[in-house]
Protein backbone atom coordinates (compact mmCIF):
# COMPACT_ATOMS: atom_id res chain seq x y z
CA UNK A 1 -126.39 -89.17 32.33
CA UNK A 2 -122.74 -90.05 31.81
CA UNK A 3 -123.18 -91.61 28.37
CA UNK A 4 -125.33 -88.72 27.28
CA UNK A 5 -122.79 -86.55 28.35
CA UNK A 6 -119.77 -88.15 26.60
CA UNK A 7 -121.93 -87.94 23.54
CA UNK A 8 -122.71 -84.71 23.50
CA UNK A 9 -119.25 -83.71 24.08
CA UNK A 10 -118.49 -85.70 20.78
CA UNK A 11 -120.93 -84.15 18.76
CA UNK A 12 -119.41 -81.12 16.34
CA UNK A 13 -120.36 -77.65 15.88
CA UNK A 14 -123.25 -76.64 13.66
CA UNK A 15 -123.08 -73.47 14.47
CA UNK A 16 -119.66 -72.42 15.17
CA UNK A 17 -117.95 -74.69 12.55
CA UNK A 18 -120.24 -73.41 9.82
CA UNK A 19 -119.06 -70.11 11.07
CA UNK A 20 -115.78 -71.23 10.70
CA UNK A 21 -116.25 -72.62 7.03
CA UNK A 22 -117.83 -70.04 5.51
CA UNK A 23 -114.87 -67.25 6.96
CA UNK A 24 -112.85 -70.22 5.28
CA UNK A 25 -114.30 -69.91 2.00
CA UNK A 26 -114.62 -66.67 2.14
CA UNK A 27 -110.75 -66.07 2.88
CA UNK A 28 -110.48 -68.45 -0.18
CA UNK A 29 -112.56 -66.28 -2.50
CA UNK A 30 -110.69 -63.42 -1.42
CA UNK A 31 -107.16 -65.48 -2.35
CA UNK A 32 -108.61 -66.32 -5.56
CA UNK A 33 -109.55 -62.76 -6.24
CA UNK A 34 -106.13 -61.46 -5.39
CA UNK A 35 -104.46 -63.86 -7.76
CA UNK A 36 -106.56 -63.19 -10.68
CA UNK A 37 -106.15 -59.70 -9.94
CA UNK A 38 -102.24 -60.20 -10.14
CA UNK A 39 -103.01 -62.27 -13.31
CA UNK A 40 -104.35 -59.27 -14.75
CA UNK A 41 -102.01 -56.69 -13.80
CA UNK A 42 -103.59 -55.26 -10.96
CA UNK A 43 -100.38 -53.77 -10.50
CA UNK A 44 -100.69 -51.33 -12.95
CA UNK A 45 -102.43 -48.55 -10.45
CA UNK A 46 -98.70 -48.27 -9.00
CA UNK A 47 -97.30 -47.75 -12.36
CA UNK A 48 -97.37 -43.68 -13.34
CA UNK A 49 -96.32 -44.58 -16.87
CA UNK A 50 -99.16 -46.61 -17.10
CA UNK A 51 -102.04 -44.73 -14.98
CA UNK A 52 -102.42 -41.88 -17.30
CA UNK A 53 -103.67 -44.70 -20.32
CA UNK A 54 -106.48 -46.29 -18.16
CA UNK A 55 -109.64 -43.94 -17.89
CA UNK A 56 -111.03 -43.52 -14.66
CA UNK A 57 -113.67 -45.95 -14.86
CA UNK A 58 -111.26 -48.61 -15.05
CA UNK A 59 -109.09 -47.15 -12.10
CA UNK A 60 -111.82 -47.19 -9.91
CA UNK A 61 -112.47 -50.65 -11.16
CA UNK A 62 -108.95 -51.82 -10.49
CA UNK A 63 -108.97 -50.09 -7.27
CA UNK A 64 -111.99 -51.65 -6.11
CA UNK A 65 -110.43 -54.78 -6.48
CA UNK A 66 -107.25 -54.24 -4.78
CA UNK A 67 -109.17 -52.72 -1.64
CA UNK A 68 -110.90 -56.02 -1.81
CA UNK A 69 -107.87 -57.96 -1.77
CA UNK A 70 -106.22 -55.94 0.95
CA UNK A 71 -109.47 -56.41 3.04
CA UNK A 72 -109.77 -60.14 2.78
CA UNK A 73 -105.70 -60.61 3.80
CA UNK A 74 -106.39 -58.23 6.88
CA UNK A 75 -109.45 -60.08 8.17
CA UNK A 76 -107.72 -63.66 7.85
CA UNK A 77 -104.95 -61.90 9.44
CA UNK A 78 -107.31 -60.77 12.29
CA UNK A 79 -109.07 -63.74 12.82
CA UNK A 80 -106.27 -65.69 12.91
CA UNK A 81 -104.31 -63.63 15.74
CA UNK A 82 -107.93 -63.71 17.81
CA UNK A 83 -108.83 -67.93 17.46
CA UNK A 84 -104.98 -68.99 17.35
CA UNK A 85 -104.19 -68.37 20.89
CA UNK A 86 -107.63 -69.87 22.37
CA UNK A 87 -108.22 -72.95 20.17
CA UNK A 88 -105.04 -73.45 17.98
CA UNK A 89 -105.01 -74.19 14.49
CA UNK A 90 -108.80 -75.63 14.52
CA UNK A 91 -110.56 -73.06 13.35
CA UNK A 92 -108.03 -71.66 11.00
CA UNK A 93 -108.01 -75.17 9.37
CA UNK A 94 -112.07 -76.00 9.62
CA UNK A 95 -111.59 -78.70 12.22
CA UNK A 96 -109.10 -81.12 10.00
CA UNK A 97 -106.03 -80.44 12.06
CA UNK A 98 -105.96 -79.97 15.94
CA UNK A 99 -108.36 -80.91 18.21
CA UNK A 100 -112.32 -81.07 17.73
CA UNK A 101 -114.18 -78.34 18.35
CA UNK A 102 -117.35 -78.52 20.09
CA UNK A 103 -119.42 -76.00 21.05
CA UNK A 104 -120.33 -77.52 24.62
CA UNK A 105 -116.54 -77.35 25.26
CA UNK A 106 -115.03 -74.63 23.27
CA UNK A 107 -117.46 -72.23 23.26
CA UNK A 108 -117.37 -71.14 26.54
CA UNK A 109 -118.08 -67.30 27.88
CA UNK A 110 -114.21 -66.79 27.04
CA UNK A 111 -114.63 -68.37 23.66
CA UNK A 112 -117.78 -66.26 23.03
CA UNK A 113 -116.06 -63.07 23.97
CA UNK A 114 -113.19 -63.79 21.85
CA UNK A 115 -115.84 -64.36 18.73
CA UNK A 116 -117.44 -60.89 19.89
CA UNK A 117 -114.43 -59.07 19.99
CA UNK A 118 -113.08 -60.48 16.56
CA UNK A 119 -116.19 -59.50 15.30
CA UNK A 120 -116.04 -56.15 16.34
CA UNK A 121 -112.60 -55.74 15.05
CA UNK A 122 -113.14 -57.25 12.00
CA UNK A 123 -116.55 -54.83 11.01
CA UNK A 124 -113.88 -51.81 12.28
CA UNK A 125 -111.82 -52.58 9.65
CA UNK A 126 -113.89 -53.12 7.09
CA UNK A 127 -115.40 -49.63 7.82
CA UNK A 128 -111.92 -48.15 7.88
CA UNK A 129 -111.58 -50.28 4.17
CA UNK A 130 -114.70 -48.67 3.10
CA UNK A 131 -113.05 -45.28 3.77
CA UNK A 132 -109.97 -45.76 2.04
CA UNK A 133 -111.89 -47.20 -1.10
CA UNK A 134 -114.43 -43.92 -0.65
CA UNK A 135 -111.08 -41.34 -0.33
CA UNK A 136 -109.70 -43.22 -3.32
CA UNK A 137 -112.99 -43.42 -5.49
CA UNK A 138 -111.58 -40.45 -8.69
CA UNK A 139 -114.13 -38.31 -10.36
CA UNK A 140 -113.67 -37.29 -13.60
CA UNK A 141 -112.30 -33.83 -13.94
CA UNK A 142 -115.27 -31.48 -15.43
CA UNK A 143 -114.49 -28.37 -17.04
CA UNK A 144 -115.87 -25.23 -15.54
CA UNK A 145 -118.22 -24.94 -18.90
CA UNK A 146 -119.42 -28.26 -18.32
CA UNK A 147 -119.74 -27.50 -14.69
CA UNK A 148 -121.87 -24.22 -14.93
CA UNK A 149 -124.14 -25.90 -17.69
CA UNK A 150 -125.00 -29.08 -15.00
CA UNK A 151 -125.80 -26.14 -12.09
CA UNK A 152 -128.39 -24.52 -14.96
CA UNK A 153 -130.19 -27.74 -15.90
CA UNK A 154 -133.26 -29.52 -14.72
CA UNK A 155 -134.10 -32.75 -14.37
CA UNK A 156 -138.36 -33.11 -15.21
CA UNK A 157 -139.77 -36.78 -14.90
CA UNK A 158 -142.90 -37.96 -14.95
CA UNK A 159 -144.07 -36.86 -18.69
CA UNK A 160 -147.10 -38.89 -19.83
CA UNK A 161 -145.97 -41.74 -21.41
CA UNK A 162 -149.25 -43.88 -22.44
CA UNK A 163 -153.02 -43.09 -23.15
CA UNK A 164 -154.42 -43.40 -19.77
CA UNK A 165 -157.91 -44.44 -21.39
CA UNK A 166 -156.75 -47.11 -23.70
CA UNK A 167 -153.10 -47.93 -22.14
CA UNK A 168 -151.16 -47.62 -25.17
CA UNK A 169 -147.69 -46.26 -25.17
CA UNK A 170 -147.46 -43.18 -27.02
CA UNK A 171 -144.76 -43.22 -30.58
CA UNK A 172 -143.53 -40.40 -31.40
CA UNK A 173 -141.18 -39.18 -34.44
CA UNK A 174 -138.84 -36.33 -34.24
CA UNK A 175 -141.77 -33.57 -35.13
CA UNK A 176 -143.94 -35.23 -31.93
CA UNK A 177 -140.61 -34.92 -29.74
CA UNK A 178 -139.67 -31.30 -30.80
CA UNK A 179 -143.84 -30.39 -29.99
CA UNK A 180 -143.56 -31.82 -26.28
CA UNK A 181 -140.23 -29.69 -25.95
CA UNK A 182 -142.24 -26.52 -27.00
CA UNK A 183 -145.24 -27.23 -25.01
CA UNK A 184 -143.01 -27.81 -21.82
CA UNK A 185 -140.87 -24.71 -22.93
CA UNK A 186 -144.10 -22.55 -23.07
CA UNK A 187 -145.21 -23.92 -19.51
CA UNK A 188 -141.71 -23.12 -17.79
CA UNK A 189 -141.55 -19.81 -19.04
CA UNK A 190 -145.13 -18.54 -18.25
CA UNK A 191 -144.07 -20.21 -14.29
CA UNK A 192 -141.17 -18.03 -14.97
CA UNK A 193 -142.69 -14.88 -15.69
CA UNK A 194 -144.88 -15.05 -12.55
CA UNK A 195 -141.94 -14.32 -10.65
CA UNK A 196 -139.76 -12.43 -12.89
CA UNK A 197 -142.31 -9.70 -13.66
CA UNK A 198 -142.44 -8.56 -17.28
CA UNK A 199 -141.79 -9.83 -20.66
CA UNK A 200 -139.55 -12.62 -19.91
CA UNK A 201 -136.88 -13.25 -22.56
CA UNK A 202 -134.61 -15.81 -21.52
CA UNK A 203 -133.22 -18.59 -23.33
CA UNK A 204 -134.58 -22.21 -22.26
CA UNK A 205 -133.52 -25.55 -23.76
CA UNK A 206 -135.43 -28.47 -23.39
CA UNK A 207 -134.73 -32.34 -24.56
CA UNK A 208 -137.25 -35.09 -23.85
CA UNK A 209 -135.69 -38.09 -23.66
CA UNK A 210 -136.96 -40.87 -25.72
CA UNK A 211 -136.70 -44.58 -24.59
CA UNK A 212 -132.93 -45.94 -26.19
CA UNK A 213 -132.97 -49.42 -24.96
CA UNK A 214 -133.61 -50.77 -28.68
CA UNK A 215 -131.26 -48.75 -29.65
CA UNK A 216 -128.25 -48.87 -27.44
CA UNK A 217 -128.39 -52.99 -27.84
CA UNK A 218 -128.23 -52.58 -31.35
CA UNK A 219 -125.33 -50.46 -31.19
CA UNK A 220 -123.30 -51.92 -28.94
CA UNK A 221 -123.84 -55.38 -31.17
CA UNK A 222 -122.55 -53.48 -34.25
CA UNK A 223 -119.79 -52.48 -32.48
CA UNK A 224 -118.83 -55.64 -31.62
CA UNK A 225 -119.17 -56.64 -35.06
CA UNK A 226 -117.41 -54.37 -36.37
CA UNK A 227 -114.39 -55.00 -34.21
CA UNK A 228 -114.68 -59.20 -35.14
CA UNK A 229 -114.92 -57.83 -38.97
CA UNK A 230 -111.31 -55.82 -38.65
CA UNK A 231 -110.00 -58.87 -36.59
CA UNK A 232 -110.88 -61.13 -39.08
CA UNK A 233 -109.60 -58.86 -42.13
CA UNK A 234 -106.36 -59.12 -40.41
CA UNK A 235 -106.20 -62.76 -39.84
CA UNK A 236 -107.19 -63.22 -43.66
CA UNK A 237 -104.23 -61.31 -44.89
CA UNK A 238 -101.87 -63.22 -43.02
CA UNK A 239 -101.20 -65.90 -45.88
CA UNK A 240 -100.33 -69.16 -44.19
CA UNK A 241 -98.46 -72.12 -46.30
CA UNK A 242 -99.36 -75.69 -46.16
CA UNK A 243 -102.69 -77.62 -45.80
CA UNK A 244 -103.37 -76.18 -42.12
CA UNK A 245 -102.58 -73.10 -43.68
CA UNK A 246 -104.96 -73.29 -46.57
CA UNK A 247 -107.62 -75.01 -44.16
CA UNK A 248 -107.24 -71.76 -41.56
CA UNK A 249 -107.34 -69.03 -44.17
CA UNK A 250 -110.54 -70.64 -45.35
CA UNK A 251 -112.64 -70.86 -42.15
CA UNK A 252 -110.88 -67.11 -41.42
CA UNK A 253 -112.49 -66.29 -45.10
CA UNK A 254 -116.09 -67.70 -43.86
CA UNK A 255 -115.67 -65.97 -40.56
CA UNK A 256 -115.01 -62.52 -42.44
CA UNK A 257 -118.16 -62.85 -44.73
CA UNK A 258 -120.34 -63.85 -41.87
CA UNK A 259 -118.73 -60.95 -40.06
CA UNK A 260 -119.65 -58.62 -42.64
CA UNK A 261 -123.39 -59.82 -43.36
CA UNK A 262 -124.13 -59.60 -39.67
CA UNK A 263 -122.61 -55.59 -39.77
CA UNK A 264 -124.28 -54.73 -42.60
CA UNK A 265 -127.77 -56.23 -41.23
CA UNK A 266 -127.14 -54.55 -37.77
CA UNK A 267 -126.26 -51.07 -39.86
CA UNK A 268 -130.02 -51.67 -41.42
CA UNK A 269 -131.64 -52.31 -38.11
CA UNK A 270 -129.73 -49.37 -36.49
CA UNK A 271 -130.97 -46.96 -40.06
CA UNK A 272 -134.71 -48.43 -39.12
CA UNK A 273 -134.70 -47.94 -35.35
CA UNK A 274 -133.14 -44.48 -35.76
CA UNK A 275 -136.07 -43.53 -38.28
CA UNK A 276 -138.86 -45.44 -37.23
CA UNK A 277 -141.27 -43.71 -34.21
CA UNK A 278 -140.09 -43.83 -30.54
CA UNK A 279 -141.49 -44.31 -27.02
CA UNK A 280 -141.29 -41.53 -24.79
CA UNK A 281 -139.08 -42.05 -21.71
CA UNK A 282 -141.17 -39.94 -19.30
CA UNK A 283 -137.87 -37.57 -18.57
CA UNK A 284 -136.79 -34.24 -20.06
CA UNK A 285 -134.00 -32.19 -19.17
CA UNK A 286 -134.25 -28.29 -19.34
CA UNK A 287 -130.94 -26.11 -19.48
CA UNK A 288 -131.53 -22.51 -18.30
CA UNK A 289 -129.73 -19.31 -18.99
CA UNK A 290 -129.19 -19.05 -15.51
CA UNK A 291 -128.89 -20.71 -12.13
CA UNK A 292 -131.63 -18.64 -10.52
CA UNK A 293 -134.26 -19.68 -12.86
CA UNK A 294 -133.76 -23.65 -12.24
CA UNK A 295 -133.61 -23.02 -8.47
CA UNK A 296 -137.10 -21.22 -8.67
CA UNK A 297 -138.46 -24.81 -9.67
CA UNK A 298 -136.72 -27.01 -6.65
CA UNK A 299 -137.96 -23.97 -4.11
CA UNK A 300 -140.37 -26.49 -2.73
CA UNK A 301 -138.40 -28.41 -0.20
CA UNK A 302 -139.71 -31.96 0.90
CA UNK A 303 -140.59 -32.83 4.49
CA UNK A 304 -138.81 -35.50 5.79
CA UNK A 305 -141.91 -37.42 6.32
CA UNK A 306 -142.56 -37.44 2.61
CA UNK A 307 -140.48 -39.80 1.76
CA UNK A 308 -139.17 -37.89 -1.95
CA UNK A 309 -135.97 -36.14 -3.01
CA UNK A 310 -138.02 -34.21 -5.47
CA UNK A 311 -140.00 -31.19 -5.89
CA UNK A 312 -143.36 -30.80 -7.94
CA UNK A 313 -144.19 -28.57 -11.16
CA UNK A 314 -148.32 -28.43 -11.97
CA UNK A 315 -149.15 -26.92 -14.93
CA UNK A 316 -152.54 -26.64 -17.52
CA UNK A 317 -156.18 -26.25 -15.95
CA UNK A 318 -157.38 -28.89 -14.19
CA UNK A 319 -159.18 -31.38 -14.49
CA UNK A 320 -158.89 -31.75 -18.33
CA UNK A 321 -155.37 -30.63 -18.92
CA UNK A 322 -153.48 -30.51 -15.48
CA UNK A 323 -149.96 -32.38 -15.27
CA UNK A 324 -147.85 -32.60 -12.38
CA UNK A 325 -144.10 -33.54 -12.78
CA UNK A 326 -141.02 -34.14 -10.48
CA UNK A 327 -138.19 -31.60 -10.77
CA UNK A 328 -134.45 -32.46 -9.34
CA UNK A 329 -131.18 -31.75 -9.96
CA UNK A 330 -129.79 -32.61 -12.84
CA UNK A 331 -127.14 -35.22 -12.69
CA UNK A 332 -123.94 -35.32 -15.21
CA UNK A 333 -125.03 -37.46 -18.22
CA UNK A 334 -122.00 -40.35 -17.52
CA UNK A 335 -123.69 -40.74 -14.36
CA UNK A 336 -127.02 -41.67 -15.98
CA UNK A 337 -128.25 -44.95 -16.69
CA UNK A 338 -130.08 -44.14 -20.31
CA UNK A 339 -131.11 -47.87 -20.91
CA UNK A 340 -132.90 -47.52 -17.74
CA UNK A 341 -134.42 -43.91 -17.74
CA UNK A 342 -137.87 -45.23 -18.75
CA UNK A 343 -138.42 -47.19 -15.44
CA UNK A 344 -140.28 -45.18 -12.94
CA UNK A 345 -139.81 -44.54 -9.34
CA UNK A 346 -142.55 -46.39 -8.60
CA UNK A 347 -141.44 -49.40 -10.78
CA UNK A 348 -138.14 -49.33 -9.10
CA UNK A 349 -140.11 -49.32 -5.67
CA UNK A 350 -142.31 -52.24 -6.36
CA UNK A 351 -139.25 -54.41 -7.50
CA UNK A 352 -137.59 -53.55 -4.70
CA UNK A 353 -140.27 -54.45 -2.34
CA UNK A 354 -140.84 -57.75 -3.91
CA UNK A 355 -137.42 -58.49 -3.90
CA UNK A 356 -137.04 -57.81 0.04
CA UNK A 357 -140.59 -59.35 1.01
CA UNK A 358 -138.58 -62.69 -1.64
CA UNK A 359 -135.65 -62.02 0.54
CA UNK A 360 -137.80 -62.09 3.98
CA UNK A 361 -139.42 -65.37 3.37
CA UNK A 362 -136.49 -67.24 1.87
CA UNK A 363 -135.05 -66.17 5.55
CA UNK A 364 -138.12 -67.23 7.26
CA UNK A 365 -138.72 -70.52 5.82
CA UNK A 366 -135.04 -71.57 4.34
CA UNK A 367 -132.55 -70.05 6.40
CA UNK A 368 -134.02 -70.01 10.12
CA UNK A 369 -135.15 -73.76 9.84
CA UNK A 370 -132.41 -75.23 8.60
CA UNK A 371 -130.24 -73.09 11.51
CA UNK A 372 -132.19 -74.23 14.24
CA UNK A 373 -132.55 -78.17 12.84
CA UNK A 374 -128.76 -77.46 12.89
CA UNK A 375 -128.43 -76.58 16.89
CA UNK A 376 -130.32 -79.80 17.74
CA UNK A 377 -127.81 -82.21 18.18
CA UNK A 378 -126.35 -79.60 20.53
CA UNK A 379 -129.49 -78.82 22.36
CA UNK A 380 -131.28 -81.99 22.75
CA UNK A 381 -128.16 -83.68 24.37
CA UNK A 382 -127.71 -80.52 27.14
CA UNK A 383 -131.57 -80.51 27.61
CA UNK A 384 -131.45 -84.46 28.40
CA UNK A 385 -128.79 -83.72 30.74
CA UNK A 386 -130.49 -80.68 32.54
CA UNK A 387 -134.01 -83.04 32.42
CA UNK A 388 -131.88 -85.73 34.50
CA UNK A 389 -129.96 -83.42 36.77
CA UNK A 390 -133.68 -82.23 38.03
CA UNK A 391 -135.59 -85.75 37.42
CA UNK A 392 -132.58 -86.85 39.97
CA UNK A 393 -133.16 -84.45 42.79
CA UNK A 394 -137.09 -84.53 42.30
CA UNK A 395 -136.66 -88.69 43.31
CA UNK A 396 -134.34 -87.58 46.12
């Protein structure tokens, strides 16, 4: 019994040391991130003369990195204050210095209380930094005209994008997109005339969005190729002397010709994509003359158990030509991911469900057995001692 107890006393922790190692790795990542931000000029946020030169997106990103750095440093200090007085330097040094950490000896009721308090305090600190970051995030200064136009714009999704019988996606040219926009405009005007009696002649602007993922990719590649071409043009004009200068100039000339050919090819691809027929994304933006006209299509308030944040607009004569569309308030154009505009809400839910199920399966089949197995070195010695005590009492 004594031998078993001594062996159990020398067993290193599986759960405590593992969590401490994870914390130590997080602290190291935070320190590396901090050094990276310093090297990249994170202090630009404190310089008023340079702050105005950066766009708001860059300022928000740099502010996020700075708050992450501050949060890591604060959490490291809180962990040190909570653990060093009780365990010494062993938790901070991950058991490399100081006495060995043992679950049976170190993780007593007092130690467990310290860990719980430390976790709670660090959680509160994290919430504080989240609130600081939320207040620090800047939003673009919109002009009053833009704000008024956004308040008069309706975002409609759910337009048919493929033939339900054959499954083929619709491919439209500019005339077809105009025809779809006119049909949708007529349906909206007809519905508004039922509410606003009489002849309704207010202006409505409808824009049907195509799928622009390939267009955006080619456009981004073209911009990058033009920047490389401009850089090689500058390098070619820098005349160098000697054999090394001659070889360098030849290399830059080859790269310049290659970049020029790439720019021409991407320009042709961009013209071809802009002229050919495009798929419809299923989304449209409708701008009314007055905000109350837009609010008419948002009058239906979904209940909380319906799990949706949009209203429905149905037009046509069922069952042959009836279409139901989802209506929401239009966001600012800069807040729209135009590359994913054709991905429906149902597909987003399916992808999210697959990821959640995959995470659940991984946690159940991989993480949980590994965690239980790692704790067996601590559980078995303690269980052996308990069994020996019970057996001794029974024999007595």
